[in-house]
């Protein structure tokens, strides 16, 4: 396979926004699929204060060549000043699934004929 697969993650403090961010990325072919984890407890230091929040983790399954488009898209859509943005390499998986991820992150004109 020519493309590396990655999982890019962010969070949201609003479940409906998390769903909107998930759907938008899939509809835009920026991610093949997105998982939203049930509310998680987040503890962090922000602007000089110890903070705690309930958030939803959003995991985008995509190919690494789509990250240059996915990251700015996410920053435009996300209301946080500094949204979490981390990427994790996928180091293995079934060939069929990994091929599906690559295929689903291609725009129609990019798909192999």
PDB file of N, CA and C in Angstrom:
ATOM      1  N   UNK A   1       0.848  -1.175   0.000  1.00  0.00           N
ATOM      2  CA  UNK A   1       0.000   0.000   0.000  1.00  0.00           C
ATOM      3  C   UNK A   1       0.889   1.231   0.000  1.00  0.00           C
ATOM      4  N   UNK A   2       0.496   2.247  -0.766  1.00  0.00           N
ATOM      5  CA  UNK A   2       1.309   3.449  -0.933  1.00  0.00           C
ATOM      6  C   UNK A   2       1.092   4.495   0.154  1.00  0.00           C
ATOM      7  N   UNK A   3       0.034   4.384   0.914  1.00  0.00           N
ATOM      8  CA  UNK A   3      -0.306   5.418   1.891  1.00  0.00           C
ATOM      9  C   UNK A   3      -0.229   4.860   3.303  1.00  0.00           C
ATOM     10  N   UNK A   4       0.282   5.694   4.220  1.00  0.00           N
ATOM     11  CA  UNK A   4       0.265   5.329   5.627  1.00  0.00           C
ATOM     12  C   UNK A   4      -1.102   5.699   6.201  1.00  0.00           C
ATOM     13  N   UNK A   5      -1.562   4.888   7.142  1.00  0.00           N
ATOM     14  CA  UNK A   5      -2.841   5.144   7.794  1.00  0.00           C
ATOM     15  C   UNK A   5      -2.546   5.739   9.161  1.00  0.00           C
ATOM     16  N   UNK A   6      -3.328   6.736   9.552  1.00  0.00           N
ATOM     17  CA  UNK A   6      -3.157   7.385  10.844  1.00  0.00           C
ATOM     18  C   UNK A   6      -4.514   7.565  11.515  1.00  0.00           C
ATOM     19  N   UNK A   7      -4.457   7.732  12.816  1.00  0.00           N
ATOM     20  CA  UNK A   7      -5.626   8.133  13.585  1.00  0.00           C
ATOM     21  C   UNK A   7      -5.299   9.504  14.147  1.00  0.00           C
ATOM     22  N   UNK A   8      -6.085  10.490  13.773  1.00  0.00           N
ATOM     23  CA  UNK A   8      -5.907  11.862  14.257  1.00  0.00           C
ATOM     24  C   UNK A   8      -6.995  12.116  15.295  1.00  0.00           C
ATOM     25  N   UNK A   9      -6.619  12.705  16.410  1.00  0.00           N
ATOM     26  CA  UNK A   9      -7.583  12.884  17.492  1.00  0.00           C
ATOM     27  C   UNK A   9      -7.714  14.336  17.921  1.00  0.00           C
ATOM     28  N   UNK A  10      -8.949  14.660  18.292  1.00  0.00           N
ATOM     29  CA  UNK A  10      -9.262  15.924  18.943  1.00  0.00           C
ATOM     30  C   UNK A  10     -10.332  15.627  19.981  1.00  0.00           C
ATOM     31  N   UNK A  11     -10.788  16.651  20.678  1.00  0.00           N
ATOM     32  CA  UNK A  11     -11.864  16.501  21.652  1.00  0.00           C
ATOM     33  C   UNK A  11     -12.835  17.662  21.499  1.00  0.00           C
ATOM     34  N   UNK A  12     -14.011  17.480  22.061  1.00  0.00           N
ATOM     35  CA  UNK A  12     -15.022  18.530  22.097  1.00  0.00           C
ATOM     36  C   UNK A  12     -15.760  18.440  23.423  1.00  0.00           C
ATOM     37  N   UNK A  13     -16.163  19.584  23.955  1.00  0.00           N
ATOM     38  CA  UNK A  13     -16.956  19.568  25.187  1.00  0.00           C
ATOM     39  C   UNK A  13     -18.449  19.515  24.898  1.00  0.00           C
ATOM     40  N   UNK A  14     -18.804  19.293  23.626  1.00  0.00           N
ATOM     41  CA  UNK A  14     -20.199  19.253  23.211  1.00  0.00           C
ATOM     42  C   UNK A  14     -20.423  18.056  22.289  1.00  0.00           C
ATOM     43  N   UNK A  15     -21.320  17.162  22.675  1.00  0.00           N
ATOM     44  CA  UNK A  15     -21.547  15.943  21.896  1.00  0.00           C
ATOM     45  C   UNK A  15     -22.050  16.238  20.482  1.00  0.00           C
ATOM     46  N   UNK A  16     -22.946  17.185  20.328  1.00  0.00           N
ATOM     47  CA  UNK A  16     -23.469  17.501  18.996  1.00  0.00           C
ATOM     48  C   UNK A  16     -22.378  18.082  18.101  1.00  0.00           C
ATOM     49  N   UNK A  17     -21.504  18.905  18.663  1.00  0.00           N
ATOM     50  CA  UNK A  17     -20.388  19.421  17.884  1.00  0.00           C
ATOM     51  C   UNK A  17     -19.466  18.281  17.478  1.00  0.00           C
ATOM     52  N   UNK A  18     -19.226  17.338  18.380  1.00  0.00           N
ATOM     53  CA  UNK A  18     -18.393  16.185  18.044  1.00  0.00           C
ATOM     54  C   UNK A  18     -18.984  15.435  16.847  1.00  0.00           C
ATOM     55  N   UNK A  19     -20.295  15.244  16.842  1.00  0.00           N
ATOM     56  CA  UNK A  19     -20.957  14.562  15.728  1.00  0.00           C
ATOM     57  C   UNK A  19     -20.844  15.384  14.438  1.00  0.00           C
ATOM     58  N   UNK A  20     -20.980  16.690  14.557  1.00  0.00           N
ATOM     59  CA  UNK A  20     -20.847  17.563  13.388  1.00  0.00           C
ATOM     60  C   UNK A  20     -19.435  17.491  12.818  1.00  0.00           C
ATOM     61  N   UNK A  21     -18.427  17.517  13.692  1.00  0.00           N
ATOM     62  CA  UNK A  21     -17.039  17.419  13.245  1.00  0.00           C
ATOM     63  C   UNK A  21     -16.763  16.055  12.609  1.00  0.00           C
ATOM     64  N   UNK A  22     -17.388  15.022  13.117  1.00  0.00           N
ATOM     65  CA  UNK A  22     -17.216  13.680  12.552  1.00  0.00           C
ATOM     66  C   UNK A  22     -17.849  13.597  11.164  1.00  0.00           C
ATOM     67  N   UNK A  23     -19.101  13.980  11.071  1.00  0.00           N
ATOM     68  CA  UNK A  23     -19.806  13.902   9.785  1.00  0.00           C
ATOM     69  C   UNK A  23     -19.143  14.767   8.714  1.00  0.00           C
ATOM     70  N   UNK A  24     -18.738  15.961   9.094  1.00  0.00           N
ATOM     71  CA  UNK A  24     -18.132  16.874   8.139  1.00  0.00           C
ATOM     72  C   UNK A  24     -16.854  16.322   7.539  1.00  0.00           C
ATOM     73  N   UNK A  25     -16.038  15.685   8.356  1.00  0.00           N
ATOM     74  CA  UNK A  25     -14.780  15.115   7.855  1.00  0.00           C
ATOM     75  C   UNK A  25     -15.038  13.949   6.916  1.00  0.00           C
ATOM     76  N   UNK A  26     -16.013  13.118   7.242  1.00  0.00           N
ATOM     77  CA  UNK A  26     -16.338  11.975   6.372  1.00  0.00           C
ATOM     78  C   UNK A  26     -16.949  12.472   5.064  1.00  0.00           C
ATOM     79  N   UNK A  27     -17.891  13.391   5.154  1.00  0.00           N
ATOM     80  CA  UNK A  27     -18.523  13.921   3.940  1.00  0.00           C
ATOM     81  C   UNK A  27     -17.522  14.625   3.031  1.00  0.00           C
ATOM     82  N   UNK A  28     -16.488  15.216   3.613  1.00  0.00           N
ATOM     83  CA  UNK A  28     -15.463  15.917   2.838  1.00  0.00           C
ATOM     84  C   UNK A  28     -14.346  14.993   2.366  1.00  0.00           C
ATOM     85  N   UNK A  29     -14.465  13.708   2.665  1.00  0.00           N
ATOM     86  CA  UNK A  29     -13.441  12.713   2.299  1.00  0.00           C
ATOM     87  C   UNK A  29     -12.109  12.988   2.973  1.00  0.00           C
ATOM     88  N   UNK A  30     -12.140  13.662   4.120  1.00  0.00           N
ATOM     89  CA  UNK A  30     -10.926  13.895   4.885  1.00  0.00           C
ATOM     90  C   UNK A  30     -10.623  12.727   5.811  1.00  0.00           C
ATOM     91  N   UNK A  31     -11.627  11.924   6.098  1.00  0.00           N
ATOM     92  CA  UNK A  31     -11.474  10.722   6.920  1.00  0.00           C
ATOM     93  C   UNK A  31     -12.388   9.646   6.354  1.00  0.00           C
ATOM     94  N   UNK A  32     -11.934   8.402   6.445  1.00  0.00           N
ATOM     95  CA  UNK A  32     -12.771   7.286   5.996  1.00  0.00           C
ATOM     96  C   UNK A  32     -13.844   6.983   7.022  1.00  0.00           C
ATOM     97  N   UNK A  33     -13.510   7.164   8.275  1.00  0.00           N
ATOM     98  CA  UNK A  33     -14.434   6.917   9.360  1.00  0.00           C
ATOM     99  C   UNK A  33     -13.994   7.705  10.581  1.00  0.00           C
ATOM    100  N   UNK A  34     -14.928   7.859  11.507  1.00  0.00           N
ATOM    101  CA  UNK A  34     -14.633   8.604  12.733  1.00  0.00           C
ATOM    102  C   UNK A  34     -15.298   7.887  13.896  1.00  0.00           C
ATOM    103  N   UNK A  35     -14.579   7.764  14.989  1.00  0.00           N
ATOM    104  CA  UNK A  35     -15.142   7.214  16.218  1.00  0.00           C
ATOM    105  C   UNK A  35     -15.249   8.333  17.239  1.00  0.00           C
ATOM    106  N   UNK A  36     -16.356   8.358  17.948  1.00  0.00           N
ATOM    107  CA  UNK A  36     -16.538   9.306  19.043  1.00  0.00           C
ATOM    108  C   UNK A  36     -16.689   8.482  20.308  1.00  0.00           C
ATOM    109  N   UNK A  37     -15.772   8.689  21.234  1.00  0.00           N
ATOM    110  CA  UNK A  37     -15.843   7.982  22.512  1.00  0.00           C
ATOM    111  C   UNK A  37     -16.824   8.686  23.430  1.00  0.00           C
ATOM    112  N   UNK A  38     -17.500   7.871  24.248  1.00  0.00           N
ATOM    113  CA  UNK A  38     -18.433   8.386  25.241  1.00  0.00           C
ATOM    114  C   UNK A  38     -17.727   9.429  26.107  1.00  0.00           C
ATOM    115  N   UNK A  39     -18.472  10.217  26.822  1.00  0.00           N
ATOM    116  CA  UNK A  39     -17.820  11.271  27.592  1.00  0.00           C
ATOM    117  C   UNK A  39     -16.644  10.735  28.414  1.00  0.00           C
ATOM    118  N   UNK A  40     -15.570  11.491  28.345  1.00  0.00           N
ATOM    119  CA  UNK A  40     -14.366  11.173  29.114  1.00  0.00           C
ATOM    120  C   UNK A  40     -14.099  12.336  30.052  1.00  0.00           C
ATOM    121  N   UNK A  41     -13.398  12.076  31.113  1.00  0.00           N
ATOM    122  CA  UNK A  41     -13.003  13.136  32.031  1.00  0.00           C
ATOM    123  C   UNK A  41     -11.649  13.659  31.605  1.00  0.00           C
ATOM    124  N   UNK A  42     -11.551  14.954  31.427  1.00  0.00           N
ATOM    125  CA  UNK A  42     -10.304  15.584  31.028  1.00  0.00           C
ATOM    126  C   UNK A  42      -9.826  16.489  32.163  1.00  0.00           C
ATOM    127  N   UNK A  43      -8.558  16.376  32.490  1.00  0.00           N
ATOM    128  CA  UNK A  43      -7.928  17.220  33.491  1.00  0.00           C
ATOM    129  C   UNK A  43      -6.711  17.839  32.834  1.00  0.00           C
ATOM    130  N   UNK A  44      -6.574  19.160  32.917  1.00  0.00           N
ATOM    131  CA  UNK A  44      -5.497  19.825  32.208  1.00  0.00           C
ATOM    132  C   UNK A  44      -5.212  21.186  32.829  1.00  0.00           C
ATOM    133  N   UNK A  45      -4.082  21.733  32.479  1.00  0.00           N
ATOM    134  CA  UNK A  45      -3.663  23.058  32.911  1.00  0.00           C
ATOM    135  C   UNK A  45      -3.952  24.014  31.770  1.00  0.00           C
ATOM    136  N   UNK A  46      -4.725  25.084  32.001  1.00  0.00           N
ATOM    137  CA  UNK A  46      -5.056  26.022  30.930  1.00  0.00           C
ATOM    138  C   UNK A  46      -5.062  27.441  31.488  1.00  0.00           C
ATOM    139  N   UNK A  47      -4.279  28.293  30.865  1.00  0.00           N
ATOM    140  CA  UNK A  47      -4.200  29.709  31.209  1.00  0.00           C
ATOM    141  C   UNK A  47      -3.991  29.924  32.705  1.00  0.00           C
ATOM    142  N   UNK A  48      -3.033  29.164  33.242  1.00  0.00           N
ATOM    143  CA  UNK A  48      -2.645  29.332  34.633  1.00  0.00           C
ATOM    144  C   UNK A  48      -3.544  28.690  35.660  1.00  0.00           C
ATOM    145  N   UNK A  49      -4.518  27.885  35.200  1.00  0.00           N
ATOM    146  CA  UNK A  49      -5.445  27.252  36.141  1.00  0.00           C
ATOM    147  C   UNK A  49      -5.548  25.758  35.862  1.00  0.00           C
ATOM    148  N   UNK A  50      -5.763  25.020  36.940  1.00  0.00           N
ATOM    149  CA  UNK A  50      -6.033  23.587  36.855  1.00  0.00           C
ATOM    150  C   UNK A  50      -7.506  23.439  36.458  1.00  0.00           C
ATOM    151  N   UNK A  51      -7.767  22.763  35.342  1.00  0.00           N
ATOM    152  CA  UNK A  51      -9.132  22.650  34.814  1.00  0.00           C
ATOM    153  C   UNK A  51      -9.580  21.188  34.769  1.00  0.00           C
ATOM    154  N   UNK A  52     -10.875  20.997  34.745  1.00  0.00           N
ATOM    155  CA  UNK A  52     -11.474  19.676  34.552  1.00  0.00           C
ATOM    156  C   UNK A  52     -12.701  19.864  33.667  1.00  0.00           C
ATOM    157  N   UNK A  53     -12.927  18.903  32.781  1.00  0.00           N
ATOM    158  CA  UNK A  53     -14.076  19.018  31.878  1.00  0.00           C
ATOM    159  C   UNK A  53     -14.527  17.634  31.445  1.00  0.00           C
ATOM    160  N   UNK A  54     -15.745  17.579  30.974  1.00  0.00           N
ATOM    161  CA  UNK A  54     -16.261  16.379  30.318  1.00  0.00           C
ATOM    162  C   UNK A  54     -16.137  16.623  28.825  1.00  0.00           C
ATOM    163  N   UNK A  55     -15.494  15.699  28.124  1.00  0.00           N
ATOM    164  CA  UNK A  55     -15.285  15.866  26.691  1.00  0.00           C
ATOM    165  C   UNK A  55     -15.580  14.563  25.956  1.00  0.00           C
ATOM    166  N   UNK A  56     -15.747  14.689  24.642  1.00  0.00           N
ATOM    167  CA  UNK A  56     -15.900  13.550  23.748  1.00  0.00           C
ATOM    168  C   UNK A  56     -14.647  13.482  22.890  1.00  0.00           C
ATOM    169  N   UNK A  57     -13.994  12.313  22.865  1.00  0.00           N
ATOM    170  CA  UNK A  57     -12.800  12.139  22.038  1.00  0.00           C
ATOM    171  C   UNK A  57     -13.249  11.769  20.632  1.00  0.00           C
ATOM    172  N   UNK A  58     -12.710  12.481  19.644  1.00  0.00           N
ATOM    173  CA  UNK A  58     -13.043  12.269  18.239  1.00  0.00           C
ATOM    174  C   UNK A  58     -11.799  11.723  17.557  1.00  0.00           C
ATOM    175  N   UNK A  59     -11.912  10.512  17.013  1.00  0.00           N
ATOM    176  CA  UNK A  59     -10.770   9.856  16.360  1.00  0.00           C
ATOM    177  C   UNK A  59     -11.067   9.703  14.872  1.00  0.00           C
ATOM    178  N   UNK A  60     -10.283  10.392  14.065  1.00  0.00           N
ATOM    179  CA  UNK A  60     -10.427  10.345  12.614  1.00  0.00           C
ATOM    180  C   UNK A  60      -9.513   9.256  12.062  1.00  0.00           C
ATOM    181  N   UNK A  61     -10.058   8.316  11.301  1.00  0.00           N
ATOM    182  CA  UNK A  61      -9.262   7.289  10.647  1.00  0.00           C
ATOM    183  C   UNK A  61      -9.047   7.759   9.219  1.00  0.00           C
ATOM    184  N   UNK A  62      -7.787   7.996   8.864  1.00  0.00           N
ATOM    185  CA  UNK A  62      -7.502   8.596   7.569  1.00  0.00           C
ATOM    186  C   UNK A  62      -6.143   8.155   7.055  1.00  0.00           C
ATOM    187  N   UNK A  63      -5.819   8.600   5.867  1.00  0.00           N
ATOM    188  CA  UNK A  63      -4.489   8.335   5.319  1.00  0.00           C
ATOM    189  C   UNK A  63      -3.634   9.585   5.545  1.00  0.00           C
ATOM    190  N   UNK A  64      -2.334   9.376   5.728  1.00  0.00           N
ATOM    191  CA  UNK A  64      -1.453  10.481   6.114  1.00  0.00           C
ATOM    192  C   UNK A  64      -1.441  11.609   5.087  1.00  0.00           C
ATOM    193  N   UNK A  65      -1.678  11.304   3.826  1.00  0.00           N
ATOM    194  CA  UNK A  65      -1.665  12.369   2.824  1.00  0.00           C
ATOM    195  C   UNK A  65      -2.891  13.275   2.912  1.00  0.00           C
ATOM    196  N   UNK A  66      -3.891  12.902   3.703  1.00  0.00           N
ATOM    197  CA  UNK A  66      -5.068  13.765   3.891  1.00  0.00           C
ATOM    198  C   UNK A  66      -4.918  14.698   5.094  1.00  0.00           C
ATOM    199  N   UNK A  67      -3.883  14.455   5.934  1.00  0.00           N
ATOM    200  CA  UNK A  67      -3.689  15.305   7.113  1.00  0.00           C
ATOM    201  C   UNK A  67      -3.484  16.778   6.785  1.00  0.00           C
ATOM    202  N   UNK A  68      -2.739  17.130   5.708  1.00  0.00           N
ATOM    203  CA  UNK A  68      -2.572  18.555   5.406  1.00  0.00           C
ATOM    204  C   UNK A  68      -3.887  19.272   5.095  1.00  0.00           C
ATOM    205  N   UNK A  69      -4.922  18.547   4.730  1.00  0.00           N
ATOM    206  CA  UNK A  69      -6.242  19.157   4.517  1.00  0.00           C
ATOM    207  C   UNK A  69      -7.123  19.019   5.767  1.00  0.00           C
ATOM    208  N   UNK A  70      -7.004  17.893   6.470  1.00  0.00           N
ATOM    209  CA  UNK A  70      -7.850  17.652   7.645  1.00  0.00           C
ATOM    210  C   UNK A  70      -7.525  18.603   8.790  1.00  0.00           C
ATOM    211  N   UNK A  71      -6.256  18.821   9.066  1.00  0.00           N
ATOM    212  CA  UNK A  71      -5.894  19.657  10.219  1.00  0.00           C
ATOM    213  C   UNK A  71      -6.420  21.089  10.091  1.00  0.00           C
ATOM    214  N   UNK A  72      -6.174  21.806   8.980  1.00  0.00           N
ATOM    215  CA  UNK A  72      -6.722  23.172   8.909  1.00  0.00           C
ATOM    216  C   UNK A  72      -8.249  23.185   8.891  1.00  0.00           C
ATOM    217  N   UNK A  73      -8.863  22.179   8.276  1.00  0.00           N
ATOM    218  CA  UNK A  73     -10.326  22.078   8.280  1.00  0.00           C
ATOM    219  C   UNK A  73     -10.824  22.006   9.720  1.00  0.00           C
ATOM    220  N   UNK A  74     -10.190  21.144  10.522  1.00  0.00           N
ATOM    221  CA  UNK A  74     -10.597  20.985  11.920  1.00  0.00           C
ATOM    222  C   UNK A  74     -10.431  22.299  12.678  1.00  0.00           C
ATOM    223  N   UNK A  75      -9.310  22.981  12.497  1.00  0.00           N
ATOM    224  CA  UNK A  75      -9.081  24.240  13.209  1.00  0.00           C
ATOM    225  C   UNK A  75     -10.096  25.310  12.804  1.00  0.00           C
ATOM    226  N   UNK A  76     -10.555  25.304  11.566  1.00  0.00           N
ATOM    227  CA  UNK A  76     -11.588  26.253  11.138  1.00  0.00           C
ATOM    228  C   UNK A  76     -12.944  25.944  11.768  1.00  0.00           C
ATOM    229  N   UNK A  77     -13.239  24.664  11.965  1.00  0.00           N
ATOM    230  CA  UNK A  77     -14.544  24.237  12.464  1.00  0.00           C
ATOM    231  C   UNK A  77     -14.637  24.234  13.989  1.00  0.00           C
ATOM    232  N   UNK A  78     -13.504  24.110  14.653  1.00  0.00           N
ATOM    233  CA  UNK A  78     -13.476  23.886  16.101  1.00  0.00           C
ATOM    234  C   UNK A  78     -13.481  25.202  16.869  1.00  0.00           C
ATOM    235  N   UNK A  79     -14.318  25.315  17.913  1.00  0.00           N
ATOM    236  CA  UNK A  79     -14.383  26.570  18.658  1.00  0.00           C
ATOM    237  C   UNK A  79     -13.256  26.775  19.682  1.00  0.00           C
ATOM    238  N   UNK A  80     -12.515  25.732  20.046  1.00  0.00           N
ATOM    239  CA  UNK A  80     -11.442  25.895  21.042  1.00  0.00           C
ATOM    240  C   UNK A  80     -10.348  26.795  20.487  1.00  0.00           C
ATOM    241  N   UNK A  81      -9.715  27.571  21.353  1.00  0.00           N
ATOM    242  CA  UNK A  81      -8.553  28.370  20.958  1.00  0.00           C
ATOM    243  C   UNK A  81      -7.415  27.462  20.497  1.00  0.00           C
ATOM    244  N   UNK A  82      -7.202  26.392  21.253  1.00  0.00           N
ATOM    245  CA  UNK A  82      -6.138  25.437  20.948  1.00  0.00           C
ATOM    246  C   UNK A  82      -6.722  24.029  21.072  1.00  0.00           C
ATOM    247  N   UNK A  83      -7.403  23.552  20.028  1.00  0.00           N
ATOM    248  CA  UNK A  83      -7.959  22.199  20.132  1.00  0.00           C
ATOM    249  C   UNK A  83      -6.847  21.158  20.152  1.00  0.00           C
ATOM    250  N   UNK A  84      -7.114  20.093  20.894  1.00  0.00           N
ATOM    251  CA  UNK A  84      -6.166  18.974  20.859  1.00  0.00           C
ATOM    252  C   UNK A  84      -6.047  18.515  19.414  1.00  0.00           C
ATOM    253  N   UNK A  85      -4.829  18.247  18.975  1.00  0.00           N
ATOM    254  CA  UNK A  85      -4.610  17.682  17.645  1.00  0.00           C
ATOM    255  C   UNK A  85      -3.377  16.813  17.731  1.00  0.00           C
ATOM    256  N   UNK A  86      -3.579  15.520  17.756  1.00  0.00           N
ATOM    257  CA  UNK A  86      -2.475  14.570  17.769  1.00  0.00           C
ATOM    258  C   UNK A  86      -2.751  13.516  16.717  1.00  0.00           C
ATOM    259  N   UNK A  87      -1.679  12.980  16.165  1.00  0.00           N
ATOM    260  CA  UNK A  87      -1.830  11.900  15.202  1.00  0.00           C
ATOM    261  C   UNK A  87      -1.056  10.687  15.693  1.00  0.00           C
ATOM    262  N   UNK A  88      -1.655   9.531  15.483  1.00  0.00           N
ATOM    263  CA  UNK A  88      -1.066   8.268  15.902  1.00  0.00           C
ATOM    264  C   UNK A  88      -0.914   7.385  14.678  1.00  0.00           C
ATOM    265  N   UNK A  89       0.282   6.844  14.443  1.00  0.00           N
ATOM    266  CA  UNK A  89       0.450   5.981  13.273  1.00  0.00           C
ATOM    267  C   UNK A  89      -0.239   4.636  13.489  1.00  0.00           C
ATOM    268  N   UNK A  90      -0.801   4.116  12.440  1.00  0.00           N
ATOM    269  CA  UNK A  90      -1.349   2.760  12.466  1.00  0.00           C
ATOM    270  C   UNK A  90      -0.240   1.873  11.906  1.00  0.00           C
ATOM    271  N   UNK A  91       0.251   0.972  12.722  1.00  0.00           N
ATOM    272  CA  UNK A  91       1.404   0.166  12.316  1.00  0.00           C
ATOM    273  C   UNK A  91       1.015  -1.202  11.776  1.00  0.00           C
ATOM    274  N   UNK A  92      -0.262  -1.497  11.748  1.00  0.00           N
ATOM    275  CA  UNK A  92      -0.709  -2.772  11.196  1.00  0.00           C
ATOM    276  C   UNK A  92      -2.209  -2.811  11.112  1.00  0.00           C
ATOM    277  N   UNK A  93      -2.701  -3.845  10.478  1.00  0.00           N
ATOM    278  CA  UNK A  93      -4.136  -4.025  10.318  1.00  0.00           C
ATOM    279  C   UNK A  93      -4.399  -4.875   9.096  1.00  0.00           C
ATOM    280  N   UNK A  94      -5.648  -5.210   8.893  1.00  0.00           N
ATOM    281  CA  UNK A  94      -5.972  -6.049   7.738  1.00  0.00           C
ATOM    282  C   UNK A  94      -5.800  -5.242   6.457  1.00  0.00           C
ATOM    283  N   UNK A  95      -5.266  -5.891   5.439  1.00  0.00           N
ATOM    284  CA  UNK A  95      -5.077  -5.220   4.152  1.00  0.00           C
ATOM    285  C   UNK A  95      -6.394  -4.667   3.616  1.00  0.00           C
ATOM    286  N   UNK A  96      -7.467  -5.431   3.778  1.00  0.00           N
ATOM    287  CA  UNK A  96      -8.765  -4.992   3.253  1.00  0.00           C
ATOM    288  C   UNK A  96      -9.222  -3.704   3.940  1.00  0.00           C
ATOM    289  N   UNK A  97      -9.085  -3.634   5.259  1.00  0.00           N
ATOM    290  CA  UNK A  97      -9.509  -2.441   5.997  1.00  0.00           C
ATOM    291  C   UNK A  97      -8.633  -1.251   5.645  1.00  0.00           C
ATOM    292  N   UNK A  98      -7.326  -1.439   5.639  1.00  0.00           N
ATOM    293  CA  UNK A  98      -6.418  -0.336   5.353  1.00  0.00           C
ATOM    294  C   UNK A  98      -6.615   0.180   3.933  1.00  0.00           C
ATOM    295  N   UNK A  99      -6.894  -0.709   2.994  1.00  0.00           N
ATOM    296  CA  UNK A  99      -7.183  -0.280   1.620  1.00  0.00           C
ATOM    297  C   UNK A  99      -8.482   0.509   1.561  1.00  0.00           C
ATOM    298  N   UNK A 100      -9.458   0.079   2.337  1.00  0.00           N
ATOM    299  CA  UNK A 100     -10.731   0.796   2.405  1.00  0.00           C
ATOM    300  C   UNK A 100     -10.514   2.220   2.895  1.00  0.00           C
ATOM    301  N   UNK A 101      -9.680   2.401   3.932  1.00  0.00           N
ATOM    302  CA  UNK A 101      -9.400   3.736   4.456  1.00  0.00           C
ATOM    303  C   UNK A 101      -8.827   4.618   3.353  1.00  0.00           C
ATOM    304  N   UNK A 102      -7.847   4.105   2.634  1.00  0.00           N
ATOM    305  CA  UNK A 102      -7.235   4.894   1.558  1.00  0.00           C
ATOM    306  C   UNK A 102      -8.274   5.219   0.497  1.00  0.00           C
ATOM    307  N   UNK A 103      -9.042   4.228   0.074  1.00  0.00           N
ATOM    308  CA  UNK A 103     -10.032   4.454  -0.976  1.00  0.00           C
ATOM    309  C   UNK A 103     -11.072   5.483  -0.564  1.00  0.00           C
ATOM    310  N   UNK A 104     -11.530   5.423   0.676  1.00  0.00           N
ATOM    311  CA  UNK A 104     -12.587   6.333   1.125  1.00  0.00           C
ATOM    312  C   UNK A 104     -12.092   7.744   1.404  1.00  0.00           C
ATOM    313  N   UNK A 105     -10.789   7.946   1.417  1.00  0.00           N
ATOM    314  CA  UNK A 105     -10.269   9.302   1.608  1.00  0.00           C
ATOM    315  C   UNK A 105      -9.830   9.921   0.289  1.00  0.00           C
ATOM    316  N   UNK A 106     -10.180   9.304  -0.809  1.00  0.00           N
ATOM    317  CA  UNK A 106      -9.908   9.854  -2.139  1.00  0.00           C
ATOM    318  C   UNK A 106     -11.145  10.587  -2.622  1.00  0.00           C
ATOM    319  N   UNK A 107     -10.955  11.717  -3.223  1.00  0.00           N
ATOM    320  CA  UNK A 107     -12.056  12.383  -3.902  1.00  0.00           C
ATOM    321  C   UNK A 107     -12.381  11.546  -5.132  1.00  0.00           C
ATOM    322  N   UNK A 108     -13.570  11.661  -5.633  1.00  0.00           N
ATOM    323  CA  UNK A 108     -14.016  10.835  -6.762  1.00  0.00           C
ATOM    324  C   UNK A 108     -13.007  10.848  -7.918  1.00  0.00           C
ATOM    325  N   UNK A 109     -12.508  12.037  -8.245  1.00  0.00           N
ATOM    326  CA  UNK A 109     -11.574  12.142  -9.377  1.00  0.00           C
ATOM    327  C   UNK A 109     -10.205  11.524  -9.076  1.00  0.00           C
ATOM    328  N   UNK A 110      -9.908  11.260  -7.811  1.00  0.00           N
ATOM    329  CA  UNK A 110      -8.625  10.668  -7.427  1.00  0.00           C
ATOM    330  C   UNK A 110      -8.663   9.133  -7.390  1.00  0.00           C
ATOM    331  N   UNK A 111      -9.858   8.580  -7.375  1.00  0.00           N
ATOM    332  CA  UNK A 111      -9.984   7.129  -7.247  1.00  0.00           C
ATOM    333  C   UNK A 111      -9.457   6.422  -8.477  1.00  0.00           C
ATOM    334  N   UNK A 112      -8.845   5.277  -8.227  1.00  0.00           N
ATOM    335  CA  UNK A 112      -8.308   4.474  -9.339  1.00  0.00           C
ATOM    336  C   UNK A 112      -9.463   3.950 -10.179  1.00  0.00           C
ATOM    337  N   UNK A 113      -9.257   3.940 -11.465  1.00  0.00           N
ATOM    338  CA  UNK A 113     -10.290   3.428 -12.376  1.00  0.00           C
ATOM    339  C   UNK A 113     -10.007   2.009 -12.768  1.00  0.00           C
TER     340      UNK A 113
END
